Each structure stands twice: as structure tokens, then as C-alpha cells.
N, C-alpha and C. Protein backbone atom coordinates (compact mmCIF):
# COMPACT_ATOMS: atom_id res chain seq x y z
N UNK A 1 28.49 63.43 -63.28
CA UNK A 1 28.37 61.92 -62.74
C UNK A 1 27.96 61.54 -61.46
N UNK A 2 28.81 62.14 -60.35
CA UNK A 2 28.50 61.81 -59.09
C UNK A 2 27.06 62.29 -58.92
N UNK A 3 26.66 63.24 -59.41
CA UNK A 3 25.19 63.80 -58.91
C UNK A 3 24.20 62.93 -59.68
N UNK A 4 24.50 62.70 -60.78
CA UNK A 4 23.59 61.71 -61.64
C UNK A 4 23.59 60.30 -60.75
N UNK A 5 24.53 59.82 -60.32
CA UNK A 5 24.62 58.60 -59.57
C UNK A 5 23.68 58.82 -58.42
N UNK A 6 23.72 59.68 -57.64
CA UNK A 6 23.04 59.84 -56.59
C UNK A 6 21.67 59.98 -56.90
N UNK A 7 21.21 60.73 -57.94
CA UNK A 7 19.81 60.74 -58.58
C UNK A 7 19.25 59.23 -58.65
N UNK A 8 20.18 58.58 -59.63
CA UNK A 8 19.49 57.26 -60.02
C UNK A 8 19.36 56.47 -59.04
N UNK A 9 20.12 56.12 -57.79
CA UNK A 9 20.00 55.37 -56.88
C UNK A 9 18.86 55.97 -55.81
N UNK A 10 18.51 57.41 -55.70
CA UNK A 10 17.52 57.83 -55.08
C UNK A 10 16.29 57.36 -55.79
N UNK A 11 16.13 57.66 -56.82
CA UNK A 11 14.83 57.36 -57.70
C UNK A 11 14.52 55.62 -57.52
N UNK A 12 15.50 54.93 -57.80
CA UNK A 12 15.50 53.55 -57.56
C UNK A 12 15.13 52.95 -56.12
N UNK A 13 15.56 53.59 -55.23
CA UNK A 13 15.16 53.01 -53.85
C UNK A 13 13.71 53.87 -53.59
N UNK A 14 13.37 54.77 -54.04
CA UNK A 14 11.90 55.54 -53.83
C UNK A 14 10.95 55.04 -54.76
N UNK A 15 11.27 54.22 -56.01
CA UNK A 15 10.50 54.00 -56.96
C UNK A 15 9.71 55.04 -57.45
N UNK A 16 10.38 56.45 -57.56
CA UNK A 16 9.54 57.61 -58.10
C UNK A 16 10.63 58.62 -58.40
N UNK A 17 10.20 59.47 -59.22
CA UNK A 17 11.05 60.70 -59.43
C UNK A 17 11.48 61.62 -58.16
N UNK A 18 12.68 61.65 -57.92
CA UNK A 18 13.08 62.81 -56.75
C UNK A 18 14.49 63.15 -57.02
N UNK A 19 14.82 64.26 -56.30
CA UNK A 19 15.95 65.06 -56.27
C UNK A 19 16.60 65.17 -55.26
N UNK A 20 15.84 64.82 -53.98
CA UNK A 20 16.12 65.27 -52.71
C UNK A 20 17.20 64.17 -51.93
N UNK A 21 18.12 64.68 -51.55
CA UNK A 21 19.08 63.82 -50.67
C UNK A 21 18.29 63.57 -49.18
N UNK A 22 18.33 62.54 -48.64
CA UNK A 22 17.58 62.27 -47.26
C UNK A 22 18.31 62.95 -46.38
N UNK A 23 17.50 63.47 -45.49
CA UNK A 23 18.25 64.32 -44.19
C UNK A 23 18.50 63.21 -43.13
N UNK A 24 17.83 62.26 -42.97
CA UNK A 24 18.20 61.16 -41.96
C UNK A 24 19.44 60.69 -42.01
N UNK A 25 20.05 60.33 -40.84
CA UNK A 25 21.32 59.74 -40.97
C UNK A 25 21.37 58.26 -41.60
N UNK A 26 20.38 57.32 -41.28
CA UNK A 26 20.50 56.08 -41.60
C UNK A 26 20.30 56.04 -43.28
N UNK A 27 19.43 57.02 -43.76
CA UNK A 27 19.14 56.88 -45.06
C UNK A 27 20.51 57.60 -45.95
N UNK A 28 21.03 58.46 -45.47
CA UNK A 28 22.18 59.01 -45.89
C UNK A 28 23.54 58.15 -45.68
N UNK A 29 23.33 57.22 -44.75
CA UNK A 29 24.57 56.22 -44.64
C UNK A 29 24.35 55.17 -45.57
N UNK A 30 23.20 54.70 -45.89
CA UNK A 30 22.99 53.81 -46.97
C UNK A 30 23.52 54.30 -48.23
N UNK A 31 22.82 55.63 -48.76
CA UNK A 31 23.25 56.36 -49.60
C UNK A 31 24.72 56.52 -50.18
N UNK A 32 25.62 56.88 -48.98
CA UNK A 32 26.77 56.89 -49.09
C UNK A 32 27.78 55.84 -49.25
N UNK A 33 27.24 54.75 -48.90
CA UNK A 33 27.76 53.28 -49.26
C UNK A 33 27.45 52.80 -50.39
N UNK A 34 26.09 53.06 -51.03
CA UNK A 34 25.94 52.69 -52.16
C UNK A 34 26.60 53.59 -53.39
N UNK A 35 26.91 54.84 -53.27
CA UNK A 35 27.60 55.80 -54.07
C UNK A 35 28.89 55.47 -54.20
N UNK A 36 29.60 55.74 -52.93
CA UNK A 36 31.06 55.74 -52.80
C UNK A 36 31.76 54.40 -52.40
N UNK A 37 30.92 53.36 -52.05
CA UNK A 37 31.42 52.01 -51.76
C UNK A 37 31.22 51.78 -50.18
N UNK A 38 31.28 50.63 -49.63
CA UNK A 38 31.01 50.07 -48.62
C UNK A 38 31.87 50.46 -47.35
N UNK A 39 32.88 51.13 -47.39
CA UNK A 39 33.55 51.87 -46.49
C UNK A 39 33.37 53.37 -46.19
N UNK A 40 32.34 53.68 -46.97
CA UNK A 40 32.22 55.31 -47.12
C UNK A 40 31.18 55.67 -45.83
N UNK A 41 31.59 56.84 -45.30
CA UNK A 41 30.77 57.48 -43.95
C UNK A 41 29.98 58.42 -44.78
N UNK A 42 28.95 59.08 -43.84
CA UNK A 42 28.44 60.16 -44.32
C UNK A 42 29.09 61.35 -44.33
N UNK A 43 30.31 61.33 -43.55
CA UNK A 43 30.97 62.73 -43.83
C UNK A 43 31.62 62.63 -45.27
N UNK A 44 32.16 61.17 -45.46
CA UNK A 44 32.75 61.27 -46.93
C UNK A 44 31.74 61.80 -47.93
N UNK A 45 30.67 61.19 -47.80
CA UNK A 45 29.42 61.65 -48.85
C UNK A 45 29.23 63.05 -48.74
N UNK A 46 29.14 63.53 -47.67
CA UNK A 46 28.84 65.13 -47.47
C UNK A 46 30.05 65.92 -48.27
N UNK A 47 31.38 65.28 -48.11
CA UNK A 47 32.23 66.09 -48.56
C UNK A 47 32.35 66.03 -50.25
N UNK A 48 32.13 64.83 -50.62
CA UNK A 48 31.95 64.65 -51.90
C UNK A 48 31.03 65.59 -52.63
N UNK A 49 29.72 65.54 -52.08
CA UNK A 49 28.57 66.19 -52.66
C UNK A 49 28.97 67.85 -52.39
N UNK A 50 29.50 68.26 -51.37
CA UNK A 50 29.85 69.63 -51.31
C UNK A 50 30.75 70.10 -52.39
N UNK A 51 31.90 69.34 -52.43
CA UNK A 51 32.98 69.33 -53.58
C UNK A 51 32.27 69.53 -54.89
N UNK A 52 31.51 68.64 -55.26
CA UNK A 52 30.79 68.57 -56.47
C UNK A 52 29.85 69.83 -56.68
N UNK A 53 29.18 69.99 -55.62
CA UNK A 53 28.47 71.59 -55.72
C UNK A 53 29.36 72.73 -55.97
N UNK A 54 30.31 72.60 -55.38
CA UNK A 54 31.10 73.82 -55.60
C UNK A 54 31.69 74.03 -56.92
N UNK A 55 32.11 72.73 -57.69
CA UNK A 55 32.52 72.78 -58.96
C UNK A 55 31.51 73.18 -59.88
N UNK A 56 30.18 72.64 -59.78
CA UNK A 56 29.07 73.02 -60.43
C UNK A 56 28.58 74.68 -60.32
N UNK A 57 28.80 74.97 -59.25
CA UNK A 57 28.53 76.48 -58.68
C UNK A 57 29.75 77.25 -59.63
N UNK A 58 30.95 77.00 -59.73
CA UNK A 58 32.02 77.72 -60.41
C UNK A 58 31.67 77.78 -61.72
N UNK A 59 31.42 76.62 -62.37
CA UNK A 59 31.36 76.66 -64.12
C UNK A 59 30.12 77.22 -64.04
N UNK A 60 28.83 77.35 -63.50
CA UNK A 60 27.70 78.20 -63.56
C UNK A 60 28.07 79.59 -63.64
N UNK A 61 28.73 79.94 -62.42
CA UNK A 61 28.98 81.42 -62.40
C UNK A 61 30.13 81.91 -63.55
N UNK A 62 30.70 81.06 -64.10
CA UNK A 62 31.87 81.32 -65.13
C UNK A 62 30.97 81.57 -66.46
N UNK A 63 30.08 80.55 -66.62
CA UNK A 63 29.13 80.71 -67.77
C UNK A 63 28.45 82.02 -67.54
N UNK A 64 27.75 82.39 -66.64
CA UNK A 64 27.08 83.53 -66.59
C UNK A 64 27.83 84.87 -66.61
N UNK A 65 29.13 84.80 -66.21
CA UNK A 65 29.92 86.12 -66.68
C UNK A 65 30.22 86.27 -68.08
N UNK A 66 30.46 85.01 -68.75
CA UNK A 66 30.58 84.98 -70.14
C UNK A 66 29.25 85.50 -71.13
N UNK A 67 28.41 84.82 -70.49
CA UNK A 67 27.05 85.49 -71.33
C UNK A 67 26.64 86.72 -70.95
N UNK A 68 27.02 87.38 -70.01
CA UNK A 68 26.64 88.89 -69.64
C UNK A 68 27.26 89.80 -70.40
N UNK A 69 28.52 89.44 -71.00
CA UNK A 69 29.46 90.35 -71.77
C UNK A 69 28.97 90.69 -73.04
């Protein structure tokens, strides 16, 4: 849900299909506030994004181990 929410905000703001999180601090700050709430910081956003990526990676790795057996 978190990644999909980011994707939707990015695509609405750029009015095109995109999957790239902005590198600039201004754009990241805006995205953080839109996704996590007005008090969110870039650090909050980056922490949530990293945790989500870790969960996805873990599930993917588990799936790949099961499918190779």
C-alpha cells in the first residue's frame, strides 16, 4: 500500500506514468508530507521506504527459495 500510494502521488503530480522517487530534497519533502502527513520529514519518508523495500525483498527471497525447491 505504501509503495502504491507513493506511485499514485508521483503520477498525479507529474501527470504521467512514472516510478522514480525524486532525488531533490524539495520534491522529496513534498512527497513525504503527502504520503505520511504534514509533520513528516525526508528522514521519516526514507525510513519508511527502506523498511518497505526490506519487507518486499524478504518476501521475494522467500518466494524464490520455495520455487527453486
